[in-house]
Amino acid sequence: MKKSLLKAVMSSVAAGFTLLFVALGSWSMPHVGGHDFNPEDMSSFLSRKLDFTEEQEAAVNNLLTASHEESEPDLQRLQTLHEQLRNHRGTFDEVAAREAADEIGEITARMVFLKVSTFAEITALLTQEQREQAAELREKRAERRGMWRDHI
């Protein structure tokens, strides 16, 4: 019972962190769609918006590249698991579906932690003025998202 409750709590926490990361980590960068994340594009975007020094841009690019490379196997595994779950529609196997869903939760939690820790490291590289500018970018992004959602 405790293990099931712990898994439920961890899944909820993972979902919360996912939402937090999406809200805070996007930094107002336009997204192309899919998982076509390019660390160089993101660091370049942040450099333009936050007026990075060359050292900051290089450090941010290194952090984003390392994070991206570390999460790539998890992204591929997630795609496989989602495909497996879609294939369960005709012949539903509750045990296999639950195992896949649990693994998705574990992978998601790991990826969310990696992204949050990466952006914490990036934030540590910023000056106070840059942190304030980053907060403004996040607020503008949240406003745009809210406007988009209100019109649906």
C-alpha atoms as a PDB file:
ATOM      1  CA  MET A   1       0.000   0.000   0.000  1.00  0.00           C
ATOM      2  CA  LYS A   2       2.794   2.404   0.937  1.00  0.00           C
ATOM      3  CA  LYS A   3       4.560   1.674  -2.347  1.00  0.00           C
ATOM      4  CA  SER A   4       1.411   2.478  -4.371  1.00  0.00           C
ATOM      5  CA  LEU A   5       0.876   5.700  -2.442  1.00  0.00           C
ATOM      6  CA  LEU A   6       4.516   6.653  -2.934  1.00  0.00           C
ATOM      7  CA  LYS A   7       4.234   6.018  -6.687  1.00  0.00           C
ATOM      8  CA  ALA A   8       1.059   8.101  -6.862  1.00  0.00           C
ATOM      9  CA  VAL A   9       2.713  10.954  -4.967  1.00  0.00           C
ATOM     10  CA  MET A  10       5.843  10.748  -7.120  1.00  0.00           C
ATOM     11  CA  SER A  11       3.745  10.785 -10.288  1.00  0.00           C
ATOM     12  CA  SER A  12       1.903  13.866  -9.056  1.00  0.00           C
ATOM     13  CA  VAL A  13       5.150  15.570  -8.131  1.00  0.00           C
ATOM     14  CA  ALA A  14       6.621  14.685 -11.530  1.00  0.00           C
ATOM     15  CA  ALA A  15       3.585  16.134 -13.278  1.00  0.00           C
ATOM     16  CA  GLY A  16       3.844  19.295 -11.175  1.00  0.00           C
ATOM     17  CA  PHE A  17       7.523  19.685 -11.952  1.00  0.00           C
ATOM     18  CA  THR A  18       6.801  19.120 -15.619  1.00  0.00           C
ATOM     19  CA  LEU A  19       4.310  21.975 -15.603  1.00  0.00           C
ATOM     20  CA  LEU A  20       6.718  24.127 -13.606  1.00  0.00           C
ATOM     21  CA  PHE A  21       9.533  23.437 -16.024  1.00  0.00           C
ATOM     22  CA  VAL A  22       7.400  24.168 -19.054  1.00  0.00           C
ATOM     23  CA  ALA A  23       6.293  27.443 -17.505  1.00  0.00           C
ATOM     24  CA  LEU A  24       9.708  28.499 -16.235  1.00  0.00           C
ATOM     25  CA  GLY A  25      12.067  26.777 -18.617  1.00  0.00           C
ATOM     26  CA  SER A  26      10.665  27.930 -21.909  1.00  0.00           C
ATOM     27  CA  TRP A  27      12.072  31.423 -21.424  1.00  0.00           C
ATOM     28  CA  SER A  28       9.696  32.737 -24.058  1.00  0.00           C
ATOM     29  CA  MET A  29      11.525  31.000 -26.904  1.00  0.00           C
ATOM     30  CA  PRO A  30       9.395  30.155 -29.911  1.00  0.00           C
ATOM     31  CA  HIS A  31       9.008  26.409 -30.275  1.00  0.00           C
ATOM     32  CA  VAL A  32       9.117  24.648 -33.605  1.00  0.00           C
ATOM     33  CA  GLY A  33       7.262  21.600 -32.321  1.00  0.00           C
ATOM     34  CA  GLY A  34       8.181  18.048 -31.510  1.00  0.00           C
ATOM     35  CA  HIS A  35      11.403  17.262 -29.714  1.00  0.00           C
ATOM     36  CA  ASP A  36      13.636  19.209 -32.087  1.00  0.00           C
ATOM     37  CA  PHE A  37      15.407  21.037 -29.290  1.00  0.00           C
ATOM     38  CA  ASN A  38      18.642  22.659 -30.341  1.00  0.00           C
ATOM     39  CA  PRO A  39      20.859  23.731 -27.418  1.00  0.00           C
ATOM     40  CA  GLU A  40      22.739  26.227 -29.588  1.00  0.00           C
ATOM     41  CA  ASP A  41      19.503  27.920 -30.662  1.00  0.00           C
ATOM     42  CA  MET A  42      18.341  28.168 -27.051  1.00  0.00           C
ATOM     43  CA  SER A  43      21.644  29.572 -25.796  1.00  0.00           C
ATOM     44  CA  SER A  44      21.732  32.020 -28.697  1.00  0.00           C
ATOM     45  CA  PHE A  45      18.163  33.098 -27.969  1.00  0.00           C
ATOM     46  CA  LEU A  46      18.915  33.589 -24.270  1.00  0.00           C
ATOM     47  CA  SER A  47      22.107  35.447 -25.131  1.00  0.00           C
ATOM     48  CA  ARG A  48      20.199  37.912 -27.303  1.00  0.00           C
ATOM     49  CA  LYS A  49      17.400  38.423 -24.797  1.00  0.00           C
ATOM     50  CA  LEU A  50      19.580  38.608 -21.682  1.00  0.00           C
ATOM     51  CA  ASP A  51      22.704  40.180 -23.186  1.00  0.00           C
ATOM     52  CA  PHE A  52      25.115  37.400 -22.212  1.00  0.00           C
ATOM     53  CA  THR A  53      28.839  37.789 -22.171  1.00  0.00           C
ATOM     54  CA  GLU A  54      30.741  35.368 -24.407  1.00  0.00           C
ATOM     55  CA  GLU A  55      31.632  33.329 -21.319  1.00  0.00           C
ATOM     56  CA  GLN A  56      27.989  33.129 -20.222  1.00  0.00           C
ATOM     57  CA  GLU A  57      26.844  32.070 -23.677  1.00  0.00           C
ATOM     58  CA  ALA A  58      29.508  29.357 -23.860  1.00  0.00           C
ATOM     59  CA  ALA A  59      28.687  28.088 -20.366  1.00  0.00           C
ATOM     60  CA  VAL A  60      24.941  28.052 -21.059  1.00  0.00           C
ATOM     61  CA  ASN A  61      25.494  26.285 -24.368  1.00  0.00           C
ATOM     62  CA  ASN A  62      27.637  23.649 -22.608  1.00  0.00           C
ATOM     63  CA  LEU A  63      25.000  23.124 -19.895  1.00  0.00           C
ATOM     64  CA  LEU A  64      22.146  22.837 -22.390  1.00  0.00           C
ATOM     65  CA  THR A  65      24.127  20.518 -24.673  1.00  0.00           C
ATOM     66  CA  ALA A  66      25.097  18.214 -21.799  1.00  0.00           C
ATOM     67  CA  SER A  67      21.523  18.146 -20.518  1.00  0.00           C
ATOM     68  CA  HIS A  68      20.166  17.430 -23.989  1.00  0.00           C
ATOM     69  CA  GLU A  69      22.637  14.613 -24.579  1.00  0.00           C
ATOM     70  CA  GLU A  70      21.867  13.096 -21.175  1.00  0.00           C
ATOM     71  CA  SER A  71      18.107  13.156 -21.796  1.00  0.00           C
ATOM     72  CA  GLU A  72      18.202  11.796 -25.361  1.00  0.00           C
ATOM     73  CA  PRO A  73      18.062   8.077 -24.380  1.00  0.00           C
ATOM     74  CA  ASP A  74      15.118   8.830 -22.086  1.00  0.00           C
ATOM     75  CA  LEU A  75      13.291  10.621 -24.912  1.00  0.00           C
ATOM     76  CA  GLN A  76      13.790   7.632 -27.169  1.00  0.00           C
ATOM     77  CA  ARG A  77      12.582   5.251 -24.446  1.00  0.00           C
ATOM     78  CA  LEU A  78       9.510   7.441 -23.879  1.00  0.00           C
ATOM     79  CA  GLN A  79       8.651   7.215 -27.567  1.00  0.00           C
ATOM     80  CA  THR A  80       8.931   3.434 -27.406  1.00  0.00           C
ATOM     81  CA  LEU A  81       6.766   3.222 -24.294  1.00  0.00           C
ATOM     82  CA  HIS A  82       4.093   5.520 -25.739  1.00  0.00           C
ATOM     83  CA  GLU A  83       4.018   3.389 -28.878  1.00  0.00           C
ATOM     84  CA  GLN A  84       3.626   0.256 -26.760  1.00  0.00           C
ATOM     85  CA  LEU A  85       0.715   1.831 -24.910  1.00  0.00           C
ATOM     86  CA  ARG A  86      -0.959   2.846 -28.175  1.00  0.00           C
ATOM     87  CA  ASN A  87      -0.622  -0.749 -29.364  1.00  0.00           C
ATOM     88  CA  HIS A  88      -2.487  -1.983 -26.272  1.00  0.00           C
ATOM     89  CA  ARG A  89      -5.771  -0.578 -27.530  1.00  0.00           C
ATOM     90  CA  GLY A  90      -6.949  -3.757 -29.271  1.00  0.00           C
ATOM     91  CA  THR A  91      -5.639  -6.253 -26.726  1.00  0.00           C
ATOM     92  CA  PHE A  92      -5.349  -4.425 -23.435  1.00  0.00           C
ATOM     93  CA  ASP A  93      -2.883  -5.963 -20.999  1.00  0.00           C
ATOM     94  CA  GLU A  94      -3.373  -4.143 -17.706  1.00  0.00           C
ATOM     95  CA  VAL A  95      -0.110  -5.359 -16.158  1.00  0.00           C
ATOM     96  CA  ALA A  96       2.014  -4.376 -19.163  1.00  0.00           C
ATOM     97  CA  ALA A  97       0.214  -1.038 -19.489  1.00  0.00           C
ATOM     98  CA  ARG A  98       0.732  -0.267 -15.800  1.00  0.00           C
ATOM     99  CA  GLU A  99       4.431  -1.180 -16.032  1.00  0.00           C
ATOM    100  CA  ALA A 100       4.859   1.075 -19.072  1.00  0.00           C
ATOM    101  CA  ALA A 101       2.984   3.910 -17.351  1.00  0.00           C
ATOM    102  CA  ASP A 102       5.131   3.528 -14.219  1.00  0.00           C
ATOM    103  CA  GLU A 103       8.308   3.619 -16.299  1.00  0.00           C
ATOM    104  CA  ILE A 104       7.033   6.723 -18.111  1.00  0.00           C
ATOM    105  CA  GLY A 105       6.536   8.354 -14.709  1.00  0.00           C
ATOM    106  CA  GLU A 106      10.061   7.453 -13.596  1.00  0.00           C
ATOM    107  CA  ILE A 107      11.598   8.730 -16.835  1.00  0.00           C
ATOM    108  CA  THR A 108       9.531  11.915 -16.706  1.00  0.00           C
ATOM    109  CA  ALA A 109      10.612  12.581 -13.124  1.00  0.00           C
ATOM    110  CA  ARG A 110      14.261  12.047 -14.068  1.00  0.00           C
ATOM    111  CA  MET A 111      13.990  14.334 -17.095  1.00  0.00           C
ATOM    112  CA  VAL A 112      12.150  17.054 -15.195  1.00  0.00           C
ATOM    113  CA  PHE A 113      14.779  16.998 -12.463  1.00  0.00           C
ATOM    114  CA  LEU A 114      17.551  17.246 -15.063  1.00  0.00           C
ATOM    115  CA  LYS A 115      15.897  20.211 -16.764  1.00  0.00           C
ATOM    116  CA  VAL A 116      15.137  22.026 -13.504  1.00  0.00           C
ATOM    117  CA  SER A 117      18.685  21.487 -12.250  1.00  0.00           C
ATOM    118  CA  THR A 118      20.109  22.651 -15.592  1.00  0.00           C
ATOM    119  CA  PHE A 119      18.086  25.863 -15.464  1.00  0.00           C
ATOM    120  CA  ALA A 120      19.108  26.360 -11.824  1.00  0.00           C
ATOM    121  CA  GLU A 121      22.738  26.156 -12.962  1.00  0.00           C
ATOM    122  CA  ILE A 122      21.992  28.624 -15.755  1.00  0.00           C
ATOM    123  CA  THR A 123      20.287  30.998 -13.327  1.00  0.00           C
ATOM    124  CA  ALA A 124      23.377  30.865 -11.103  1.00  0.00           C
ATOM    125  CA  LEU A 125      25.410  32.209 -14.035  1.00  0.00           C
ATOM    126  CA  LEU A 126      23.178  35.267 -14.452  1.00  0.00           C
ATOM    127  CA  THR A 127      23.611  38.695 -12.960  1.00  0.00           C
ATOM    128  CA  GLN A 128      20.776  40.116 -10.873  1.00  0.00           C
ATOM    129  CA  GLU A 129      19.692  42.271 -13.820  1.00  0.00           C
ATOM    130  CA  GLN A 130      19.633  39.261 -16.135  1.00  0.00           C
ATOM    131  CA  ARG A 131      17.560  37.306 -13.592  1.00  0.00           C
ATOM    132  CA  GLU A 132      15.040  40.132 -13.557  1.00  0.00           C
ATOM    133  CA  GLN A 133      14.948  40.171 -17.367  1.00  0.00           C
ATOM    134  CA  ALA A 134      14.456  36.393 -17.381  1.00  0.00           C
ATOM    135  CA  ALA A 135      11.550  36.769 -14.935  1.00  0.00           C
ATOM    136  CA  GLU A 136       9.965  39.324 -17.281  1.00  0.00           C
ATOM    137  CA  LEU A 137      10.354  36.929 -20.221  1.00  0.00           C
ATOM    138  CA  ARG A 138       8.621  34.174 -18.231  1.00  0.00           C
ATOM    139  CA  GLU A 139       5.778  36.548 -17.291  1.00  0.00           C
ATOM    140  CA  LYS A 140       5.268  37.609 -20.906  1.00  0.00           C
ATOM    141  CA  ARG A 141       5.283  33.973 -21.991  1.00  0.00           C
ATOM    142  CA  ALA A 142       2.662  33.124 -19.363  1.00  0.00           C
ATOM    143  CA  GLU A 143       0.495  36.038 -20.522  1.00  0.00           C
ATOM    144  CA  ARG A 144       0.705  34.932 -24.160  1.00  0.00           C
ATOM    145  CA  ARG A 145      -0.142  31.369 -23.230  1.00  0.00           C
ATOM    146  CA  GLY A 146      -3.090  32.576 -21.178  1.00  0.00           C
ATOM    147  CA  MET A 147      -4.393  34.690 -24.059  1.00  0.00           C
ATOM    148  CA  TRP A 148      -4.046  31.737 -26.435  1.00  0.00           C
ATOM    149  CA  ARG A 149      -5.929  29.447 -24.074  1.00  0.00           C
ATOM    150  CA  ASP A 150      -8.707  31.982 -23.512  1.00  0.00           C
ATOM    151  CA  HIS A 151      -9.448  32.107 -27.250  1.00  0.00           C
ATOM    152  CA  ILE A 152      -9.902  28.383 -27.756  1.00  0.00           C
END
